[in-house]
N, C-alpha and C. Protein backbone atom coordinates (compact mmCIF):
# COMPACT_ATOMS: atom_id res chain seq x y z
N MET A 1 87.56 -54.38 46.22
CA MET A 1 87.72 -53.93 47.60
C MET A 1 86.38 -53.81 48.30
N GLY A 2 85.34 -53.38 47.54
CA GLY A 2 84.04 -53.16 48.14
C GLY A 2 83.45 -54.41 48.75
N VAL A 3 83.54 -55.54 48.01
CA VAL A 3 83.00 -56.80 48.51
C VAL A 3 83.77 -57.27 49.75
N LEU A 4 85.09 -57.14 49.71
CA LEU A 4 85.91 -57.54 50.85
C LEU A 4 85.57 -56.71 52.08
N MET A 5 85.41 -55.40 51.91
CA MET A 5 85.07 -54.53 53.03
C MET A 5 83.70 -54.89 53.59
N MET A 6 82.75 -55.22 52.72
CA MET A 6 81.42 -55.59 53.19
C MET A 6 81.46 -56.90 53.97
N LEU A 7 82.23 -57.88 53.49
CA LEU A 7 82.35 -59.15 54.20
C LEU A 7 83.03 -58.95 55.56
N MET A 8 84.04 -58.08 55.60
CA MET A 8 84.70 -57.78 56.86
C MET A 8 83.74 -57.08 57.82
N THR A 9 82.88 -56.22 57.29
CA THR A 9 81.90 -55.52 58.12
C THR A 9 80.91 -56.51 58.73
N ILE A 10 80.40 -57.42 57.89
CA ILE A 10 79.45 -58.42 58.38
C ILE A 10 80.09 -59.31 59.44
N GLY A 11 81.32 -59.77 59.16
CA GLY A 11 82.04 -60.60 60.13
C GLY A 11 82.32 -59.85 61.42
N GLY A 12 82.72 -58.58 61.26
CA GLY A 12 83.01 -57.75 62.44
C GLY A 12 81.78 -57.52 63.31
N LEU A 13 80.62 -57.33 62.68
CA LEU A 13 79.39 -57.13 63.43
C LEU A 13 79.01 -58.38 64.23
N MET A 14 79.25 -59.53 63.64
CA MET A 14 78.94 -60.78 64.34
C MET A 14 79.84 -60.94 65.57
N ILE A 15 81.12 -60.64 65.39
CA ILE A 15 82.06 -60.74 66.52
C ILE A 15 81.73 -59.70 67.58
N ALA A 16 81.38 -58.47 67.13
CA ALA A 16 81.04 -57.40 68.07
C ALA A 16 79.81 -57.76 68.88
N ALA A 17 78.83 -58.40 68.26
CA ALA A 17 77.61 -58.78 68.97
C ALA A 17 77.92 -59.78 70.09
N VAL A 18 78.80 -60.74 69.78
CA VAL A 18 79.18 -61.74 70.78
C VAL A 18 79.93 -61.06 71.94
N LEU A 19 80.85 -60.16 71.60
CA LEU A 19 81.63 -59.47 72.64
C LEU A 19 80.76 -58.56 73.49
N LEU A 20 79.78 -57.91 72.88
CA LEU A 20 78.89 -57.06 73.66
C LEU A 20 78.02 -57.86 74.62
N LEU A 21 77.54 -59.00 74.17
CA LEU A 21 76.78 -59.87 75.06
C LEU A 21 77.64 -60.33 76.24
N LEU A 22 78.89 -60.66 75.94
CA LEU A 22 79.82 -61.07 76.99
C LEU A 22 80.10 -59.92 77.95
N ALA A 23 80.23 -58.70 77.40
CA ALA A 23 80.51 -57.53 78.23
C ALA A 23 79.37 -57.25 79.20
N PHE A 24 78.13 -57.34 78.72
CA PHE A 24 76.97 -57.09 79.59
C PHE A 24 76.79 -58.23 80.60
N TRP A 25 77.06 -59.46 80.16
CA TRP A 25 76.92 -60.61 81.06
C TRP A 25 77.94 -60.55 82.19
N LYS A 26 79.19 -60.23 81.84
CA LYS A 26 80.27 -60.17 82.83
C LYS A 26 80.37 -58.80 83.50
N ARG A 27 79.53 -57.84 83.00
CA ARG A 27 79.55 -56.47 83.53
C ARG A 27 80.94 -55.85 83.42
N GLN A 28 81.52 -56.03 82.25
CA GLN A 28 82.86 -55.48 82.00
C GLN A 28 82.70 -54.24 81.09
N SER A 29 82.67 -53.08 81.72
CA SER A 29 82.42 -51.84 80.98
C SER A 29 83.55 -51.52 80.01
N TRP A 30 84.79 -51.89 80.38
CA TRP A 30 85.91 -51.61 79.49
C TRP A 30 85.76 -52.34 78.16
N LEU A 31 85.23 -53.59 78.20
CA LEU A 31 85.04 -54.36 76.98
C LEU A 31 83.92 -53.75 76.13
N LYS A 32 82.86 -53.30 76.80
CA LYS A 32 81.76 -52.66 76.07
C LYS A 32 82.25 -51.40 75.37
N HIS A 33 83.02 -50.58 76.07
CA HIS A 33 83.54 -49.34 75.47
C HIS A 33 84.52 -49.65 74.34
N PHE A 34 85.31 -50.70 74.52
CA PHE A 34 86.27 -51.09 73.49
C PHE A 34 85.55 -51.50 72.20
N VAL A 35 84.51 -52.32 72.32
CA VAL A 35 83.76 -52.79 71.15
C VAL A 35 83.04 -51.64 70.47
N LEU A 36 82.37 -50.79 71.24
CA LEU A 36 81.64 -49.66 70.66
C LEU A 36 82.60 -48.67 70.00
N GLY A 37 83.76 -48.48 70.62
CA GLY A 37 84.77 -47.60 70.01
C GLY A 37 85.29 -48.16 68.70
N GLY A 38 85.52 -49.47 68.70
CA GLY A 38 85.99 -50.12 67.47
C GLY A 38 84.97 -50.03 66.36
N LEU A 39 83.67 -50.22 66.70
CA LEU A 39 82.62 -50.10 65.69
C LEU A 39 82.53 -48.69 65.13
N THR A 40 82.71 -47.70 66.01
CA THR A 40 82.65 -46.30 65.57
C THR A 40 83.77 -45.99 64.58
N VAL A 41 84.98 -46.45 64.91
CA VAL A 41 86.12 -46.22 64.02
C VAL A 41 85.91 -46.93 62.69
N TRP A 42 85.43 -48.18 62.75
CA TRP A 42 85.24 -48.95 61.52
C TRP A 42 84.20 -48.31 60.60
N PHE A 43 83.04 -47.96 61.16
CA PHE A 43 81.97 -47.40 60.31
C PHE A 43 82.31 -45.99 59.82
N THR A 44 83.09 -45.26 60.59
CA THR A 44 83.55 -43.95 60.12
C THR A 44 84.48 -44.13 58.91
N THR A 45 85.38 -45.11 59.02
CA THR A 45 86.30 -45.41 57.91
C THR A 45 85.52 -45.90 56.69
N TYR A 46 84.55 -46.78 56.92
CA TYR A 46 83.76 -47.33 55.81
C TYR A 46 82.99 -46.20 55.11
N ALA A 47 82.38 -45.33 55.89
CA ALA A 47 81.61 -44.22 55.31
C ALA A 47 82.51 -43.29 54.50
N PHE A 48 83.72 -43.04 55.00
CA PHE A 48 84.65 -42.18 54.28
C PHE A 48 85.03 -42.80 52.93
N LEU A 49 85.38 -44.09 52.95
CA LEU A 49 85.75 -44.77 51.71
C LEU A 49 84.57 -44.85 50.75
N PHE A 50 83.38 -45.08 51.29
CA PHE A 50 82.17 -45.19 50.46
C PHE A 50 81.89 -43.89 49.71
N PHE A 51 81.81 -42.79 50.44
CA PHE A 51 81.48 -41.52 49.80
C PHE A 51 82.62 -40.99 48.93
N THR A 52 83.87 -41.30 49.30
CA THR A 52 85.00 -40.90 48.47
C THR A 52 84.96 -41.61 47.12
N ALA A 53 84.69 -42.92 47.16
CA ALA A 53 84.63 -43.70 45.92
C ALA A 53 83.50 -43.21 45.02
N SER A 54 82.35 -42.91 45.60
CA SER A 54 81.22 -42.43 44.81
C SER A 54 81.50 -41.03 44.24
N PHE A 55 82.11 -40.18 45.04
CA PHE A 55 82.37 -38.80 44.60
C PHE A 55 83.36 -38.76 43.45
N PHE A 56 84.38 -39.60 43.49
CA PHE A 56 85.42 -39.58 42.46
C PHE A 56 85.13 -40.55 41.31
N SER A 57 84.01 -41.22 41.34
CA SER A 57 83.66 -42.13 40.24
C SER A 57 83.35 -41.33 38.98
N ARG A 58 83.49 -41.95 37.84
CA ARG A 58 83.27 -41.27 36.56
C ARG A 58 82.29 -42.08 35.72
N GLU A 59 81.44 -41.36 35.01
CA GLU A 59 80.49 -42.02 34.12
C GLU A 59 81.24 -42.65 32.94
N LYS A 60 80.80 -43.84 32.54
CA LYS A 60 81.38 -44.52 31.39
C LYS A 60 80.30 -44.70 30.33
N VAL A 61 80.68 -44.46 29.09
CA VAL A 61 79.75 -44.65 27.98
C VAL A 61 80.41 -45.62 27.00
N LEU A 62 79.84 -46.79 26.85
CA LEU A 62 80.41 -47.84 26.01
C LEU A 62 79.86 -47.77 24.59
N GLY A 63 80.66 -48.18 23.65
CA GLY A 63 80.26 -48.19 22.25
C GLY A 63 79.71 -49.54 21.83
N LEU A 64 79.53 -49.69 20.54
CA LEU A 64 78.99 -50.93 19.98
C LEU A 64 79.90 -52.12 20.30
N ASN A 65 79.31 -53.19 20.80
CA ASN A 65 80.00 -54.45 21.13
C ASN A 65 80.97 -54.35 22.30
N GLU A 66 80.96 -53.24 23.02
CA GLU A 66 81.77 -53.14 24.24
C GLU A 66 80.96 -53.70 25.40
N PRO A 67 81.47 -54.69 26.14
CA PRO A 67 80.68 -55.36 27.18
C PRO A 67 80.69 -54.64 28.52
N LYS A 68 79.58 -54.75 29.20
CA LYS A 68 79.47 -54.31 30.59
C LYS A 68 79.29 -55.56 31.44
N GLU A 69 80.12 -55.72 32.46
CA GLU A 69 80.03 -56.92 33.29
C GLU A 69 79.17 -56.65 34.52
N PHE A 70 78.52 -57.70 34.99
CA PHE A 70 77.69 -57.63 36.18
C PHE A 70 78.32 -58.46 37.28
N CYS A 71 78.64 -57.80 38.38
CA CYS A 71 79.28 -58.49 39.50
C CYS A 71 78.46 -58.36 40.78
N GLY A 72 78.17 -57.11 41.16
CA GLY A 72 77.41 -56.86 42.37
C GLY A 72 78.15 -57.32 43.61
N PHE A 73 77.41 -57.95 44.51
CA PHE A 73 77.96 -58.39 45.79
C PHE A 73 78.77 -59.66 45.63
N TYR A 74 78.72 -60.27 44.45
CA TYR A 74 79.36 -61.56 44.25
C TYR A 74 80.70 -61.39 43.52
N PHE A 75 81.55 -62.41 43.67
CA PHE A 75 82.84 -62.39 43.00
C PHE A 75 82.72 -62.85 41.55
N ASP A 76 81.56 -63.40 41.19
CA ASP A 76 81.32 -63.92 39.85
C ASP A 76 81.01 -62.76 38.90
N CYS A 77 81.90 -62.48 37.96
CA CYS A 77 81.71 -61.37 37.01
C CYS A 77 81.71 -61.88 35.58
N HIS A 78 81.13 -63.03 35.35
CA HIS A 78 81.20 -63.66 34.03
C HIS A 78 80.03 -63.27 33.11
N LEU A 79 78.98 -62.68 33.67
CA LEU A 79 77.82 -62.32 32.87
C LEU A 79 78.00 -60.90 32.32
N HIS A 80 77.78 -60.75 31.00
CA HIS A 80 77.99 -59.45 30.35
C HIS A 80 76.81 -59.06 29.48
N ALA A 81 76.67 -57.76 29.29
CA ALA A 81 75.69 -57.23 28.34
C ALA A 81 76.41 -56.27 27.41
N SER A 82 75.97 -56.21 26.17
CA SER A 82 76.53 -55.27 25.21
C SER A 82 75.46 -54.94 24.18
N VAL A 83 75.67 -53.82 23.47
CA VAL A 83 74.78 -53.45 22.37
C VAL A 83 75.45 -53.90 21.08
N SER A 84 74.79 -54.80 20.35
CA SER A 84 75.39 -55.36 19.14
C SER A 84 74.79 -54.80 17.86
N GLY A 85 73.79 -53.94 17.99
CA GLY A 85 73.20 -53.35 16.79
C GLY A 85 72.16 -52.30 17.14
N ILE A 86 72.02 -51.30 16.26
CA ILE A 86 71.04 -50.24 16.45
C ILE A 86 70.41 -49.93 15.10
N ARG A 87 69.11 -49.85 15.06
CA ARG A 87 68.43 -49.43 13.85
C ARG A 87 67.18 -48.64 14.22
N THR A 88 66.64 -47.92 13.29
CA THR A 88 65.44 -47.13 13.55
C THR A 88 64.35 -47.50 12.56
N ALA A 89 63.11 -47.21 12.92
CA ALA A 89 61.97 -47.47 12.04
C ALA A 89 60.81 -46.59 12.46
N SER A 90 59.98 -46.21 11.52
CA SER A 90 58.81 -45.40 11.83
C SER A 90 57.65 -46.27 12.30
N GLU A 91 57.68 -47.56 11.95
CA GLU A 91 56.66 -48.48 12.42
C GLU A 91 57.22 -49.90 12.44
N ILE A 92 56.65 -50.72 13.34
CA ILE A 92 57.04 -52.12 13.45
C ILE A 92 55.75 -52.93 13.41
N GLY A 93 55.58 -53.70 12.36
CA GLY A 93 54.32 -54.42 12.20
C GLY A 93 53.19 -53.42 12.04
N ASN A 94 52.17 -53.54 12.88
CA ASN A 94 51.04 -52.61 12.84
C ASN A 94 51.17 -51.49 13.87
N THR A 95 52.31 -51.44 14.55
CA THR A 95 52.52 -50.43 15.58
C THR A 95 53.35 -49.27 15.03
N LYS A 96 52.77 -48.08 15.05
CA LYS A 96 53.46 -46.91 14.53
C LYS A 96 54.06 -46.10 15.67
N ALA A 97 55.22 -45.54 15.40
CA ALA A 97 55.89 -44.72 16.41
C ALA A 97 55.26 -43.34 16.50
N GLN A 98 55.20 -42.80 17.69
CA GLN A 98 54.77 -41.42 17.84
C GLN A 98 55.85 -40.48 17.31
N GLU A 99 57.09 -40.88 17.51
CA GLU A 99 58.23 -40.11 17.00
C GLU A 99 59.06 -41.00 16.08
N LEU A 100 60.00 -41.77 16.67
CA LEU A 100 60.85 -42.68 15.89
C LEU A 100 61.26 -43.85 16.78
N PHE A 101 61.04 -45.06 16.28
CA PHE A 101 61.44 -46.24 17.03
C PHE A 101 62.95 -46.45 16.94
N TYR A 102 63.58 -46.60 18.08
CA TYR A 102 64.97 -47.04 18.14
C TYR A 102 64.93 -48.51 18.54
N ILE A 103 65.44 -49.36 17.65
CA ILE A 103 65.44 -50.81 17.89
C ILE A 103 66.87 -51.20 18.26
N VAL A 104 67.06 -51.56 19.50
CA VAL A 104 68.40 -51.83 20.03
C VAL A 104 68.57 -53.32 20.25
N LYS A 105 69.58 -53.88 19.62
CA LYS A 105 69.86 -55.31 19.81
C LYS A 105 70.85 -55.46 20.97
N VAL A 106 70.40 -56.14 22.00
CA VAL A 106 71.21 -56.35 23.20
C VAL A 106 71.71 -57.79 23.23
N LYS A 107 72.99 -57.94 23.48
CA LYS A 107 73.60 -59.27 23.56
C LYS A 107 73.96 -59.58 25.01
N ILE A 108 73.51 -60.72 25.48
CA ILE A 108 73.85 -61.20 26.82
C ILE A 108 74.78 -62.40 26.66
N SER A 109 75.94 -62.35 27.29
CA SER A 109 76.92 -63.42 27.13
C SER A 109 77.47 -63.87 28.47
N ASN A 110 77.96 -65.09 28.49
CA ASN A 110 78.51 -65.72 29.69
C ASN A 110 79.87 -66.30 29.35
N ASP A 111 80.94 -65.75 29.92
CA ASP A 111 82.28 -66.26 29.62
C ASP A 111 82.81 -67.21 30.69
N ALA A 112 81.90 -67.71 31.53
CA ALA A 112 82.32 -68.72 32.51
C ALA A 112 82.71 -70.01 31.78
N LYS A 113 83.52 -70.83 32.43
CA LYS A 113 83.99 -72.06 31.80
C LYS A 113 83.06 -73.25 32.04
N ARG A 114 82.29 -73.21 33.14
CA ARG A 114 81.47 -74.38 33.45
C ARG A 114 80.01 -74.04 33.78
N GLU A 115 79.77 -72.97 34.50
CA GLU A 115 78.44 -72.72 35.05
C GLU A 115 77.55 -71.86 34.15
N ALA A 116 76.28 -72.25 34.04
CA ALA A 116 75.29 -71.44 33.33
C ALA A 116 74.85 -70.30 34.24
N LEU A 117 74.67 -69.12 33.68
CA LEU A 117 74.27 -67.94 34.45
C LEU A 117 73.06 -67.29 33.80
N GLN A 118 72.38 -66.43 34.56
CA GLN A 118 71.24 -65.73 34.01
C GLN A 118 71.05 -64.37 34.67
N MET A 119 70.43 -63.45 33.96
CA MET A 119 70.07 -62.17 34.53
C MET A 119 68.88 -62.39 35.45
N THR A 120 68.86 -61.68 36.59
CA THR A 120 67.81 -61.90 37.58
C THR A 120 66.65 -60.92 37.43
N ALA A 121 66.96 -59.66 37.22
CA ALA A 121 65.90 -58.65 37.09
C ALA A 121 66.37 -57.57 36.11
N PRO A 122 66.55 -57.92 34.84
CA PRO A 122 67.08 -56.94 33.87
C PRO A 122 66.12 -55.78 33.64
N ASP A 123 66.70 -54.60 33.58
CA ASP A 123 65.90 -53.39 33.35
C ASP A 123 66.63 -52.52 32.34
N PHE A 124 65.89 -51.98 31.37
CA PHE A 124 66.49 -51.21 30.28
C PHE A 124 65.77 -49.87 30.16
N GLU A 125 66.54 -48.80 30.15
CA GLU A 125 65.99 -47.45 29.99
C GLU A 125 66.93 -46.63 29.12
N VAL A 126 66.37 -45.69 28.38
CA VAL A 126 67.16 -44.78 27.57
C VAL A 126 67.03 -43.37 28.15
N LEU A 127 68.15 -42.68 28.25
CA LEU A 127 68.15 -41.30 28.72
C LEU A 127 68.71 -40.40 27.63
N ASP A 128 68.11 -39.21 27.50
CA ASP A 128 68.64 -38.25 26.54
C ASP A 128 69.47 -37.20 27.27
N GLU A 129 70.00 -36.26 26.53
CA GLU A 129 70.90 -35.26 27.10
C GLU A 129 70.21 -34.39 28.14
N GLY A 130 68.90 -34.20 27.99
CA GLY A 130 68.16 -33.37 28.94
C GLY A 130 67.71 -34.12 30.18
N GLY A 131 68.03 -35.40 30.26
CA GLY A 131 67.67 -36.18 31.43
C GLY A 131 66.33 -36.88 31.32
N ARG A 132 65.66 -36.75 30.17
CA ARG A 132 64.38 -37.43 29.99
C ARG A 132 64.61 -38.93 29.84
N MET A 133 63.73 -39.72 30.45
CA MET A 133 63.88 -41.17 30.44
C MET A 133 62.82 -41.79 29.52
N TYR A 134 63.25 -42.76 28.73
CA TYR A 134 62.35 -43.48 27.82
C TYR A 134 62.32 -44.95 28.23
N THR A 135 61.12 -45.52 28.35
CA THR A 135 60.97 -46.92 28.70
C THR A 135 60.65 -47.74 27.44
N ARG A 136 60.75 -49.04 27.57
CA ARG A 136 60.55 -49.93 26.43
C ARG A 136 59.09 -49.91 25.94
N ILE A 137 58.93 -50.09 24.64
CA ILE A 137 57.61 -50.15 24.03
C ILE A 137 57.30 -51.62 23.75
N SER A 138 56.62 -52.26 24.70
CA SER A 138 56.38 -53.70 24.60
C SER A 138 55.47 -54.05 23.43
N ALA A 139 54.54 -53.17 23.09
CA ALA A 139 53.62 -53.45 21.99
C ALA A 139 54.37 -53.60 20.68
N ALA A 140 55.40 -52.79 20.47
CA ALA A 140 56.20 -52.87 19.25
C ALA A 140 57.13 -54.08 19.28
N GLU A 141 57.65 -54.40 20.46
CA GLU A 141 58.57 -55.54 20.58
C GLU A 141 57.91 -56.86 20.24
N LYS A 142 56.59 -56.95 20.42
CA LYS A 142 55.88 -58.20 20.13
C LYS A 142 55.93 -58.56 18.65
N ASN A 143 56.23 -57.56 17.80
CA ASN A 143 56.28 -57.80 16.36
C ASN A 143 57.67 -58.16 15.85
N LEU A 144 58.64 -58.23 16.75
CA LEU A 144 60.01 -58.54 16.36
C LEU A 144 60.27 -60.04 16.41
N GLU A 145 61.26 -60.49 15.63
CA GLU A 145 61.59 -61.91 15.59
C GLU A 145 62.07 -62.44 16.95
N SER A 146 62.68 -61.56 17.73
CA SER A 146 63.22 -62.00 19.02
C SER A 146 62.23 -61.82 20.16
N ALA A 147 60.95 -61.59 19.85
CA ALA A 147 59.95 -61.29 20.86
C ALA A 147 59.85 -62.37 21.94
N LYS A 148 60.02 -63.63 21.55
CA LYS A 148 59.85 -64.73 22.50
C LYS A 148 61.15 -65.11 23.22
N VAL A 149 62.20 -64.35 22.99
CA VAL A 149 63.47 -64.63 23.67
C VAL A 149 63.46 -63.93 25.04
N PRO A 150 63.47 -64.67 26.15
CA PRO A 150 63.43 -64.04 27.47
C PRO A 150 64.81 -63.59 27.93
N PHE A 151 64.88 -62.43 28.55
CA PHE A 151 66.16 -61.93 29.04
C PHE A 151 66.65 -62.71 30.26
N ASP A 152 65.72 -63.34 30.98
CA ASP A 152 66.13 -64.05 32.20
C ASP A 152 66.42 -65.52 31.96
N GLN A 153 66.58 -65.92 30.70
CA GLN A 153 66.92 -67.32 30.42
C GLN A 153 68.35 -67.62 30.85
N LYS A 154 68.62 -68.88 31.15
CA LYS A 154 69.97 -69.28 31.53
C LYS A 154 70.87 -69.31 30.30
N VAL A 155 72.06 -68.72 30.46
CA VAL A 155 73.03 -68.69 29.37
C VAL A 155 74.11 -69.72 29.68
N PRO A 156 74.30 -70.72 28.84
CA PRO A 156 75.31 -71.75 29.12
C PRO A 156 76.72 -71.17 29.11
N ALA A 157 77.62 -71.84 29.78
CA ALA A 157 79.02 -71.40 29.82
C ALA A 157 79.56 -71.21 28.41
N GLY A 158 80.12 -70.03 28.17
CA GLY A 158 80.66 -69.73 26.85
C GLY A 158 79.61 -69.35 25.82
N GLY A 159 78.34 -69.28 26.24
CA GLY A 159 77.26 -69.01 25.30
C GLY A 159 76.77 -67.57 25.34
N SER A 160 75.81 -67.27 24.48
CA SER A 160 75.23 -65.93 24.43
C SER A 160 73.90 -65.98 23.68
N PHE A 161 73.14 -64.91 23.78
CA PHE A 161 71.94 -64.75 22.97
C PHE A 161 71.71 -63.27 22.74
N GLU A 162 70.88 -62.94 21.75
CA GLU A 162 70.57 -61.55 21.42
C GLU A 162 69.06 -61.34 21.40
N LYS A 163 68.66 -60.17 21.81
CA LYS A 163 67.24 -59.81 21.80
C LYS A 163 67.12 -58.32 21.50
N GLU A 164 66.15 -57.95 20.67
CA GLU A 164 65.93 -56.55 20.34
C GLU A 164 64.88 -55.93 21.26
N ILE A 165 65.15 -54.72 21.68
CA ILE A 165 64.20 -53.95 22.49
C ILE A 165 63.92 -52.63 21.79
N VAL A 166 62.78 -52.02 22.09
CA VAL A 166 62.32 -50.87 21.32
C VAL A 166 62.02 -49.68 22.23
N PHE A 167 62.41 -48.50 21.76
CA PHE A 167 62.10 -47.25 22.44
C PHE A 167 61.57 -46.25 21.41
N ASP A 168 60.61 -45.43 21.83
CA ASP A 168 60.05 -44.40 20.97
C ASP A 168 60.71 -43.07 21.36
N ILE A 169 61.59 -42.57 20.51
CA ILE A 169 62.44 -41.44 20.86
C ILE A 169 62.04 -40.18 20.09
N THR A 170 61.98 -39.07 20.81
CA THR A 170 61.75 -37.78 20.19
C THR A 170 62.96 -37.40 19.34
N GLU A 171 62.75 -37.00 18.10
CA GLU A 171 63.85 -36.73 17.15
C GLU A 171 64.91 -35.76 17.68
N PRO A 172 64.54 -34.59 18.23
CA PRO A 172 65.59 -33.69 18.72
C PRO A 172 66.45 -34.30 19.82
N ALA A 173 65.84 -35.18 20.62
CA ALA A 173 66.58 -35.78 21.73
C ALA A 173 67.52 -36.87 21.25
N ALA A 174 67.34 -37.31 20.01
CA ALA A 174 68.13 -38.43 19.49
C ALA A 174 69.59 -38.08 19.25
N GLN A 175 69.96 -36.82 19.45
CA GLN A 175 71.35 -36.42 19.23
C GLN A 175 72.28 -36.97 20.30
N SER A 176 71.73 -37.30 21.46
CA SER A 176 72.58 -37.79 22.55
C SER A 176 71.79 -38.75 23.41
N LEU A 177 71.87 -40.04 23.07
CA LEU A 177 71.11 -41.06 23.78
C LEU A 177 72.03 -42.07 24.46
N LYS A 178 71.61 -42.49 25.67
CA LYS A 178 72.38 -43.48 26.41
C LYS A 178 71.43 -44.55 26.92
N LEU A 179 71.84 -45.80 26.76
CA LEU A 179 71.05 -46.92 27.26
C LEU A 179 71.60 -47.37 28.61
N SER A 180 70.71 -47.48 29.57
CA SER A 180 71.06 -48.00 30.90
C SER A 180 70.60 -49.44 31.01
N VAL A 181 71.49 -50.32 31.44
CA VAL A 181 71.15 -51.73 31.65
C VAL A 181 71.52 -52.09 33.09
N THR A 182 70.53 -52.49 33.87
CA THR A 182 70.78 -52.88 35.25
C THR A 182 70.29 -54.31 35.48
N ASN A 183 70.78 -54.91 36.56
CA ASN A 183 70.45 -56.32 36.80
C ASN A 183 70.47 -56.61 38.30
N THR A 184 69.68 -55.86 39.07
CA THR A 184 69.62 -56.09 40.52
C THR A 184 68.17 -56.07 40.99
N HIS A 185 67.92 -56.74 42.10
CA HIS A 185 66.57 -56.75 42.67
C HIS A 185 66.65 -57.15 44.13
N GLY A 186 65.60 -56.85 44.86
CA GLY A 186 65.45 -57.31 46.23
C GLY A 186 66.63 -57.00 47.12
N ILE A 187 67.11 -58.03 47.84
CA ILE A 187 68.20 -57.87 48.78
C ILE A 187 69.49 -57.46 48.09
N ASP A 188 69.70 -57.91 46.85
CA ASP A 188 70.90 -57.52 46.10
C ASP A 188 70.96 -56.01 45.93
N ARG A 189 69.82 -55.40 45.60
CA ARG A 189 69.77 -53.96 45.40
C ARG A 189 70.13 -53.21 46.68
N LEU A 190 69.63 -53.71 47.83
CA LEU A 190 69.91 -53.06 49.10
C LEU A 190 71.39 -53.17 49.46
N ILE A 191 71.97 -54.35 49.23
CA ILE A 191 73.38 -54.56 49.56
C ILE A 191 74.26 -53.70 48.67
N GLU A 192 73.99 -53.71 47.36
CA GLU A 192 74.83 -52.96 46.43
C GLU A 192 74.72 -51.45 46.64
N ALA A 193 73.61 -51.00 47.23
CA ALA A 193 73.43 -49.57 47.48
C ALA A 193 74.47 -49.04 48.48
N VAL A 194 74.99 -49.91 49.34
CA VAL A 194 75.98 -49.49 50.34
C VAL A 194 77.32 -50.19 50.14
N LEU A 195 77.54 -50.72 48.95
CA LEU A 195 78.80 -51.40 48.63
C LEU A 195 79.80 -50.39 48.07
N ILE A 196 80.99 -50.35 48.61
CA ILE A 196 82.00 -49.38 48.18
C ILE A 196 82.37 -49.58 46.72
N ASP A 197 82.30 -48.50 45.95
CA ASP A 197 82.73 -48.46 44.55
C ASP A 197 81.94 -49.41 43.65
N ASP A 198 80.70 -49.70 44.02
CA ASP A 198 79.82 -50.48 43.14
C ASP A 198 78.99 -49.51 42.31
N GLU A 199 78.74 -49.87 41.06
CA GLU A 199 78.00 -48.96 40.18
C GLU A 199 76.62 -48.61 40.73
N ASP A 200 76.00 -49.54 41.45
CA ASP A 200 74.67 -49.31 41.98
C ASP A 200 74.67 -48.73 43.39
N SER A 201 75.84 -48.36 43.91
CA SER A 201 75.88 -47.74 45.23
C SER A 201 75.43 -46.30 45.15
N LEU A 202 75.01 -45.75 46.27
CA LEU A 202 74.45 -44.41 46.32
C LEU A 202 75.46 -43.37 45.83
N GLY A 203 75.04 -42.56 44.88
CA GLY A 203 75.88 -41.48 44.39
C GLY A 203 76.94 -41.87 43.38
N HIS A 204 77.05 -43.15 43.07
CA HIS A 204 78.09 -43.61 42.14
C HIS A 204 77.67 -43.36 40.70
N LYS A 205 78.62 -42.96 39.86
CA LYS A 205 78.33 -42.72 38.44
C LYS A 205 78.08 -44.06 37.73
N ARG A 206 77.29 -44.00 36.68
CA ARG A 206 76.82 -45.20 36.00
C ARG A 206 77.59 -45.49 34.70
N THR A 207 77.40 -46.72 34.22
CA THR A 207 77.93 -47.12 32.92
C THR A 207 76.76 -47.23 31.94
N PHE A 208 76.89 -46.57 30.78
CA PHE A 208 75.83 -46.55 29.78
C PHE A 208 76.35 -47.06 28.45
N PHE A 209 75.42 -47.26 27.52
CA PHE A 209 75.76 -47.61 26.15
C PHE A 209 75.32 -46.46 25.23
N LYS A 210 76.21 -46.03 24.36
CA LYS A 210 75.90 -44.96 23.42
C LYS A 210 75.01 -45.49 22.30
N LEU A 211 73.96 -44.71 21.95
CA LEU A 211 73.01 -45.20 20.96
C LEU A 211 72.90 -44.33 19.71
N ASN A 212 73.62 -43.24 19.63
CA ASN A 212 73.35 -42.29 18.55
C ASN A 212 74.48 -42.14 17.53
N THR A 213 75.32 -43.16 17.38
CA THR A 213 76.38 -43.08 16.39
C THR A 213 75.79 -43.42 15.01
N ASN A 214 75.75 -42.45 14.12
CA ASN A 214 75.06 -42.62 12.83
C ASN A 214 75.61 -43.77 12.02
N SER A 215 76.91 -44.00 12.07
CA SER A 215 77.52 -45.06 11.26
C SER A 215 77.11 -46.44 11.74
N GLU A 216 76.53 -46.52 12.95
CA GLU A 216 76.15 -47.81 13.51
C GLU A 216 74.66 -48.08 13.31
N MET A 217 73.94 -47.21 12.57
CA MET A 217 72.51 -47.32 12.49
C MET A 217 72.03 -47.51 11.06
N THR A 218 70.91 -48.21 10.95
CA THR A 218 70.23 -48.33 9.67
C THR A 218 68.79 -47.92 9.88
N LYS A 219 68.21 -47.29 8.90
CA LYS A 219 66.86 -46.77 9.03
C LYS A 219 65.96 -47.39 7.98
N LYS A 220 64.76 -47.81 8.45
CA LYS A 220 63.78 -48.37 7.53
C LYS A 220 62.66 -47.36 7.29
C-alpha cells in the first residue's frame, strides 16, 4: 500500500501543479481553492496513515536461516538476507579480540527467475539489550576466507553467496544481541523515510536477526 500511495501522491502533485498554473493563468479562484483543498485533504490522510502504520508496527527478530526481504520503493522484493551461521573466537589470525569476536555468516540470495540483483549500500550493526551499538571489525575480517567476497556483487537469478562479518562483543552484553541489516542510500533513503509502512520509514519498528542462541554457535 505504501508504494501505491506514494505513486498516487507523486501523480497527484503533478496534476495539481498543472491545475494551479491554469487557475492563476485564467484567474479562476474557485479552481485554486479546489486544488489546495484537495491537497490538504490528501496530505492529511497520508500523514494519518503514515504515523498510524509506524505507531502500530512491531519489531521482528528472525532466527537462523530466516530471510529478510528488501523491497523499499520498488515492487521488486527478490533480494534477501539471512544469518546462516554464528561462531565466536578470541582471536582471528593475528587480530585479538578486546572481548569476544562474534563471527556472523550472512547469506545474500536472489529468488528472481531472470534478473541479477545486488545490494546497493549494505550496512551491518549489532545492538545489545542496553542499546549499545557494535560496528564491524574490518581488521579481523581480513583474515577470514570470505574476506574478498564483496557484499555489493551481483547475485544471479536463483543464486546466492555467503560472507562472514566480525563484531567484538562485550561478554555481559552477549546475552541479547540483534543484527541489523539495511540496504538503502541516497534518494532511496529519503523516499523510504516517508513511505507508509516501510521498515525504514520514520518511527517504524525494525527487523533484526537474533545472534545469541547457544545451540547455533560454536566457539574456538
